[in-house]
Amino acid sequence: MKLKSTEIVDTFAEAFKMWGARVIITAANRQWARAAAQAMTGFATSVIGCKCEAGIESILSPGQTPDGRPGASVLLFAMDKASVGKRLLERIGQCVMTCPTTACFNGLDGDNAVQVGSQLRYFGDGFQGSKKLAGRRYWRIPVMDGEFVVEESFHVQASVGGGNIIMLGTDEKKTLAAATAATRAMAEIKEVILPFPNGVVRSGSKVGSRYKTLPASTNTAYCPTLKAVTDSSLPPDVNCALEIVVDGLTETAVRDAMTAGIHAAAKPGIRQITAGNYGGNLGQYKINLHELLAD
C-alpha cells in the first residue's frame, strides 16, 4: 500500500494495557500553568526507565477549567493503578504544588480512584483545611504565596500505551520534517500524548540485550550505521529512522492519532512508514497500519 510516494508497510504496532489519569493544572496565567505542566511531565518518556509516561494533552482556556483560570491538561500513564497513584503523588507534590499560583484538579470520571490531595495535605503541618463541593473534596494547603488547592482523589482508568509509527527517510532533514508534521497532526487528537521530546524518539528499543542486566537495547534493525553488520530492516537508500510513540486513554484515540500521523508523515523522502512490534507476543493490542488507512 502506498500513500503518495510513501510505502505503508503491512505490519502492526503492538500496544499495551496501561492505566491513565488526567490532571488539570490551573494558575494565575498561562505561563505558570505551562511551567507546572512541563515540570510534572519531565523525565516521563518511558516506563522502562522513568516509571511512568506523561505529557501535556492540551492548553486550556479559563472557560475550560474548574476554577476559571488558565490551565493545562496532563495525561499520565503507568502499568498499574497503584503505580499511577504513586507517580501522581510524587509529581503533583514536587512539580505542581511547588509552582507559584497553581491549583490541581482531577480530570476524569469513573469508579477507580487514587488518593492524592488526602496525602499531600500533611505538608500543611496541621494547618490544612478541606471543603466539599458537589460531592468532591478539595484540600487547601498553606504555602508561601497563599494556598495550594488540590483535589482529594484522582480517577484512573484502563488505557493503552505504546502505539507507534516509524518513519524511514532518505536523510535526517527530510525525516525530521516528516516527524514534525506527524506530531503536529497527532497533537490535535484528544485523549492522547506523545511522551518523548517534541513527540519523537530516535533511540527506539528492542527487547533484550547482549548484556544480561539490560531488559532492552538499541533497535539494531533500524540503525543506519549497522546496515552492513546486522539483519537490517532499512531499505538501501534509507539513512534515518525516527519513531513516534503514542499513549491514550482509549484504543480509539490511539488509532486516530496514528492515522493522523501516518497521513502527515507521508512526505517526499520518506520511503516507508512502519511500526514496532514484538511479534504479537507481549502487547494486548495489535494496531494494523493498513487497517488504519482503510477505516
Protein backbone atom coordinates (compact mmCIF):
# COMPACT_ATOMS: atom_id res chain seq x y z
CA MET A 1 0.00 0.00 0.00
CA LYS A 2 1.25 3.48 -0.88
CA LEU A 3 0.28 6.88 0.46
CA LYS A 4 1.52 9.41 -2.08
CA SER A 5 5.10 8.22 -2.70
CA THR A 6 5.50 6.52 0.70
CA GLU A 7 5.07 2.79 1.18
CA ILE A 8 2.97 1.86 4.21
CA VAL A 9 4.37 -1.46 5.42
CA ASP A 10 1.85 -4.22 6.07
CA THR A 11 2.57 -4.61 9.77
CA PHE A 12 1.16 -3.66 13.16
CA ALA A 13 2.04 -1.62 16.21
CA GLU A 14 1.96 -3.70 19.37
CA ALA A 15 0.41 -1.68 22.20
CA PHE A 16 -0.08 -2.48 25.86
CA LYS A 17 -2.65 -2.24 28.60
CA MET A 18 -1.84 0.65 30.92
CA TRP A 19 -3.63 2.80 33.48
CA GLY A 20 -4.04 6.51 32.92
CA ALA A 21 -5.04 9.69 34.73
CA ARG A 22 -5.83 13.22 33.63
CA VAL A 23 -4.61 16.12 35.77
CA ILE A 24 -5.94 19.64 35.28
CA ILE A 25 -3.43 22.27 36.40
CA THR A 26 -4.50 25.90 36.71
CA ALA A 27 -2.57 29.04 37.58
CA ALA A 28 -2.78 32.83 37.60
CA ASN A 29 -1.71 32.89 33.95
CA ARG A 30 -0.80 30.54 31.12
CA GLN A 31 2.92 30.90 31.76
CA TRP A 32 2.75 29.36 35.23
CA ALA A 33 0.24 26.69 34.25
CA ARG A 34 2.55 25.58 31.45
CA ALA A 35 5.59 25.72 33.73
CA ALA A 36 3.95 23.34 36.22
CA ALA A 37 2.76 21.03 33.43
CA GLN A 38 6.23 20.89 31.87
CA ALA A 39 7.83 20.15 35.23
CA MET A 40 5.30 17.42 36.01
CA THR A 41 5.85 15.70 32.67
CA GLY A 42 9.65 15.81 32.79
CA PHE A 43 11.60 12.51 32.83
CA ALA A 44 8.47 10.61 31.81
CA THR A 45 9.22 9.25 28.35
CA SER A 46 9.10 5.51 29.03
CA VAL A 47 8.08 3.18 31.83
CA ILE A 48 11.28 1.25 31.08
CA GLY A 49 13.39 3.86 32.86
CA CYS A 50 11.05 6.57 34.15
CA LYS A 51 8.33 4.53 35.93
CA CYS A 52 5.62 6.40 34.01
CA GLU A 53 4.86 8.12 30.72
CA ALA A 54 3.36 11.61 30.78
CA GLY A 55 2.76 14.61 28.55
CA ILE A 56 0.72 17.74 28.07
CA GLU A 57 -2.59 16.84 26.42
CA SER A 58 -3.67 20.44 25.78
CA ILE A 59 -3.51 24.03 26.99
CA LEU A 60 -6.83 25.15 28.47
CA SER A 61 -8.61 28.48 28.41
CA PRO A 62 -10.25 29.84 31.58
CA GLY A 63 -13.61 28.63 30.35
CA GLN A 64 -12.34 25.03 30.30
CA THR A 65 -11.05 24.77 33.86
CA PRO A 66 -12.74 24.16 37.24
CA ASP A 67 -11.70 27.48 38.76
CA GLY A 68 -11.97 29.70 35.68
CA ARG A 69 -8.23 30.29 35.32
CA PRO A 70 -5.81 29.43 32.51
CA GLY A 71 -4.67 25.83 32.67
CA ALA A 72 -3.14 22.74 31.16
CA SER A 73 -4.34 19.16 30.88
CA VAL A 74 -1.74 16.49 31.61
CA LEU A 75 -2.08 12.75 30.99
CA LEU A 76 0.00 10.28 32.99
CA PHE A 77 0.26 6.54 32.35
CA ALA A 78 1.78 3.61 34.24
CA MET A 79 1.47 -0.15 34.13
CA ASP A 80 -0.98 -0.50 37.04
CA LYS A 81 -3.35 1.56 39.15
CA ALA A 82 -1.08 1.67 42.20
CA SER A 83 1.84 2.97 40.14
CA VAL A 84 -0.29 5.77 38.70
CA GLY A 85 -1.21 6.82 42.24
CA LYS A 86 2.43 6.89 43.37
CA ARG A 87 3.58 8.90 40.38
CA LEU A 88 0.72 11.40 40.76
CA LEU A 89 1.55 11.92 44.42
CA GLU A 90 5.24 12.47 43.65
CA ARG A 91 4.82 14.71 40.64
CA ILE A 92 1.93 16.84 41.87
CA GLY A 93 3.70 17.29 45.18
CA GLN A 94 7.11 18.13 43.74
CA CYS A 95 6.22 19.85 40.46
CA VAL A 96 2.76 21.42 40.80
CA MET A 97 2.47 22.37 44.47
CA THR A 98 5.92 23.97 44.23
CA CYS A 99 4.94 26.17 41.26
CA PRO A 100 3.60 29.66 42.10
CA THR A 101 -0.19 30.26 41.97
CA THR A 102 -1.17 26.72 40.88
CA ALA A 103 -4.12 24.53 41.78
CA CYS A 104 -4.66 20.92 40.73
CA PHE A 105 -7.84 19.01 39.84
CA ASN A 106 -8.91 15.53 38.76
CA GLY A 107 -9.87 15.41 35.08
CA LEU A 108 -11.59 12.02 34.77
CA ASP A 109 -14.76 10.32 35.92
CA GLY A 110 -15.05 6.67 36.89
CA ASP A 111 -15.09 4.10 39.65
CA ASN A 112 -11.34 3.77 40.22
CA ALA A 113 -9.64 6.45 42.28
CA VAL A 114 -6.28 7.04 43.92
CA GLN A 115 -5.63 9.32 46.87
CA VAL A 116 -3.55 12.42 46.16
CA GLY A 117 -4.75 15.53 47.98
CA SER A 118 -5.58 13.45 51.03
CA GLN A 119 -1.87 12.57 51.24
CA LEU A 120 -0.38 15.91 50.22
CA ARG A 121 -2.45 17.69 52.90
CA TYR A 122 0.04 16.63 55.59
CA PHE A 123 2.51 19.11 54.12
CA GLY A 124 0.25 21.73 55.71
CA ASP A 125 1.60 20.68 59.11
CA GLY A 126 -1.83 20.68 60.72
CA PHE A 127 -2.95 23.99 59.22
CA GLN A 128 -4.53 22.41 56.14
CA GLY A 129 -8.28 22.55 55.59
CA SER A 130 -10.81 20.99 53.26
CA LYS A 131 -14.12 21.75 51.65
CA LYS A 132 -16.59 19.51 49.88
CA LEU A 133 -18.32 20.83 46.76
CA ALA A 134 -20.75 18.83 44.61
CA GLY A 135 -19.62 15.60 46.23
CA ARG A 136 -15.89 16.24 45.66
CA ARG A 137 -13.44 17.16 48.41
CA TYR A 138 -10.67 19.73 47.93
CA TRP A 139 -7.75 20.35 50.26
CA ARG A 140 -6.31 23.81 50.93
CA ILE A 141 -2.64 23.62 51.89
CA PRO A 142 -0.94 26.80 53.17
CA VAL A 143 2.09 27.79 51.10
CA MET A 144 4.21 30.92 50.91
CA ASP A 145 2.13 32.66 48.21
CA GLY A 146 -1.22 31.75 49.79
CA GLU A 147 -2.85 28.34 49.42
CA PHE A 148 -2.41 25.33 47.16
CA VAL A 149 -5.78 23.80 46.30
CA VAL A 150 -5.72 20.14 45.27
CA GLU A 151 -8.49 17.62 44.82
CA GLU A 152 -8.56 14.80 47.36
CA SER A 153 -8.69 11.91 44.86
CA PHE A 154 -7.98 11.42 41.17
CA HIS A 155 -9.77 8.91 38.98
CA VAL A 156 -7.77 6.48 36.87
CA GLN A 157 -8.89 4.27 34.01
CA ALA A 158 -7.69 1.40 31.88
CA SER A 159 -5.74 2.86 28.96
CA VAL A 160 -3.49 1.98 26.03
CA GLY A 161 0.23 2.68 25.71
CA GLY A 162 2.86 2.04 23.10
CA GLY A 163 1.04 2.73 19.86
CA ASN A 164 3.69 3.83 17.39
CA ILE A 165 4.79 4.61 13.87
CA ILE A 166 8.34 4.57 12.47
CA MET A 167 9.32 6.81 9.57
CA LEU A 168 12.16 5.68 7.29
CA GLY A 169 13.69 8.53 5.31
CA THR A 170 16.50 9.14 2.89
CA ASP A 171 18.15 11.71 5.16
CA GLU A 172 17.86 13.31 8.58
CA LYS A 173 16.39 16.63 7.41
CA LYS A 174 13.51 15.08 5.50
CA THR A 175 12.78 12.54 8.22
CA LEU A 176 12.74 15.24 10.91
CA ALA A 177 10.38 17.34 8.79
CA ALA A 178 8.03 14.39 8.39
CA ALA A 179 8.17 13.59 12.10
CA THR A 180 7.41 17.21 12.98
CA ALA A 181 4.41 17.25 10.66
CA ALA A 182 3.19 13.98 12.15
CA THR A 183 3.47 15.13 15.76
CA ARG A 184 1.58 18.33 14.98
CA ALA A 185 -1.24 16.35 13.43
CA MET A 186 -1.32 13.83 16.28
CA ALA A 187 -1.39 16.61 18.89
CA GLU A 188 -4.79 17.63 17.55
CA ILE A 189 -6.28 14.32 18.71
CA LYS A 190 -7.88 14.39 22.15
CA GLU A 191 -7.07 11.87 24.90
CA VAL A 192 -3.51 11.14 23.71
CA ILE A 193 0.04 12.22 24.46
CA LEU A 194 3.38 11.72 22.72
CA PRO A 195 5.73 11.23 25.68
CA PHE A 196 9.14 11.66 24.03
CA PRO A 197 10.90 15.02 23.39
CA ASN A 198 8.69 17.00 20.99
CA GLY A 199 6.94 13.67 20.46
CA VAL A 200 9.84 11.95 18.67
CA VAL A 201 12.30 9.23 19.72
CA ARG A 202 15.48 8.30 17.86
CA SER A 203 16.61 5.60 20.31
CA GLY A 204 13.92 3.02 19.63
CA SER A 205 14.49 -0.19 21.56
CA LYS A 206 14.15 -3.91 21.22
CA VAL A 207 13.54 -6.46 23.97
CA GLY A 208 16.70 -7.89 25.48
CA SER A 209 20.41 -7.21 25.13
CA ARG A 210 23.78 -8.90 24.88
CA TYR A 211 24.25 -7.59 28.41
CA LYS A 212 22.24 -9.64 30.89
CA THR A 213 21.47 -6.71 33.16
CA LEU A 214 19.63 -4.74 30.45
CA PRO A 215 15.95 -5.51 29.69
CA ALA A 216 16.11 -3.52 26.43
CA SER A 217 18.70 -2.24 23.98
CA THR A 218 19.01 -0.24 20.77
CA ASN A 219 16.78 -1.40 17.91
CA THR A 220 19.64 -2.57 15.70
CA ALA A 221 17.35 -3.40 12.77
CA TYR A 222 16.64 0.32 12.33
CA CYS A 223 20.12 1.76 12.97
CA PRO A 224 21.52 3.03 9.64
CA THR A 225 25.14 2.71 10.75
CA LEU A 226 24.62 -1.02 11.36
CA LYS A 227 23.11 -1.96 7.99
CA ALA A 228 26.24 -3.81 6.90
CA VAL A 229 26.71 -5.81 10.10
CA THR A 230 23.18 -6.68 11.28
CA ASP A 231 19.91 -8.05 9.97
CA SER A 232 18.66 -4.62 8.89
CA SER A 233 15.06 -3.61 8.20
CA LEU A 234 16.15 -0.48 6.32
CA PRO A 235 15.94 -0.15 2.53
CA PRO A 236 19.31 0.64 0.88
CA ASP A 237 18.61 4.36 0.42
CA VAL A 238 17.26 4.95 3.95
CA ASN A 239 19.67 6.73 6.26
CA CYS A 240 17.44 7.90 9.09
CA ALA A 241 14.65 6.30 11.14
CA LEU A 242 12.51 8.13 13.70
CA GLU A 243 9.71 6.79 15.87
CA ILE A 244 6.65 8.39 17.41
CA VAL A 245 5.10 6.66 20.43
CA VAL A 246 1.53 7.46 21.42
CA ASP A 247 -0.32 6.70 24.66
CA GLY A 248 -4.05 7.23 25.03
CA LEU A 249 -6.98 6.92 27.38
CA THR A 250 -8.70 4.71 24.78
CA GLU A 251 -7.67 2.46 21.90
CA THR A 252 -9.79 4.58 19.57
CA ALA A 253 -7.81 7.69 20.47
CA VAL A 254 -4.50 5.90 19.85
CA ARG A 255 -5.70 4.60 16.49
CA ASP A 256 -6.94 8.06 15.46
CA ALA A 257 -3.60 9.63 16.41
CA MET A 258 -1.62 7.00 14.48
CA THR A 259 -3.83 7.53 11.42
CA ALA A 260 -3.32 11.28 11.55
CA GLY A 261 0.42 10.80 11.96
CA ILE A 262 0.74 8.44 9.00
CA HIS A 263 -1.10 10.83 6.67
CA ALA A 264 1.01 13.79 7.80
CA ALA A 265 4.34 11.93 7.60
CA ALA A 266 3.88 10.65 4.04
CA LYS A 267 6.16 13.24 2.51
CA PRO A 268 8.85 13.24 -0.23
CA GLY A 269 11.96 11.47 1.04
CA ILE A 270 10.02 9.15 3.36
CA ARG A 271 10.42 5.75 1.74
CA GLN A 272 8.42 3.75 4.26
CA ILE A 273 6.24 4.12 7.33
CA THR A 274 6.22 1.05 9.53
CA ALA A 275 5.61 0.20 13.20
CA GLY A 276 7.36 -1.57 16.03
CA ASN A 277 6.11 -4.83 17.46
CA TYR A 278 7.28 -7.93 19.28
CA GLY A 279 5.64 -10.49 17.06
CA GLY A 280 2.39 -10.12 18.96
CA ASN A 281 3.82 -11.91 21.98
CA LEU A 282 3.86 -9.09 24.55
CA GLY A 283 1.20 -6.46 23.93
CA GLN A 284 -2.54 -6.88 24.20
CA TYR A 285 -3.35 -4.66 21.19
CA LYS A 286 -2.34 -5.10 17.54
CA ILE A 287 -2.98 -1.96 15.52
CA ASN A 288 -2.54 -2.78 11.84
CA LEU A 289 -1.36 0.12 9.68
CA HIS A 290 -3.27 -0.92 6.58
CA GLU A 291 -6.47 -1.22 8.62
CA LEU A 292 -6.00 2.34 9.89
CA LEU A 293 -5.89 3.69 6.34
CA ALA A 294 -8.87 1.56 5.29
CA ASP A 295 -11.11 2.84 8.11
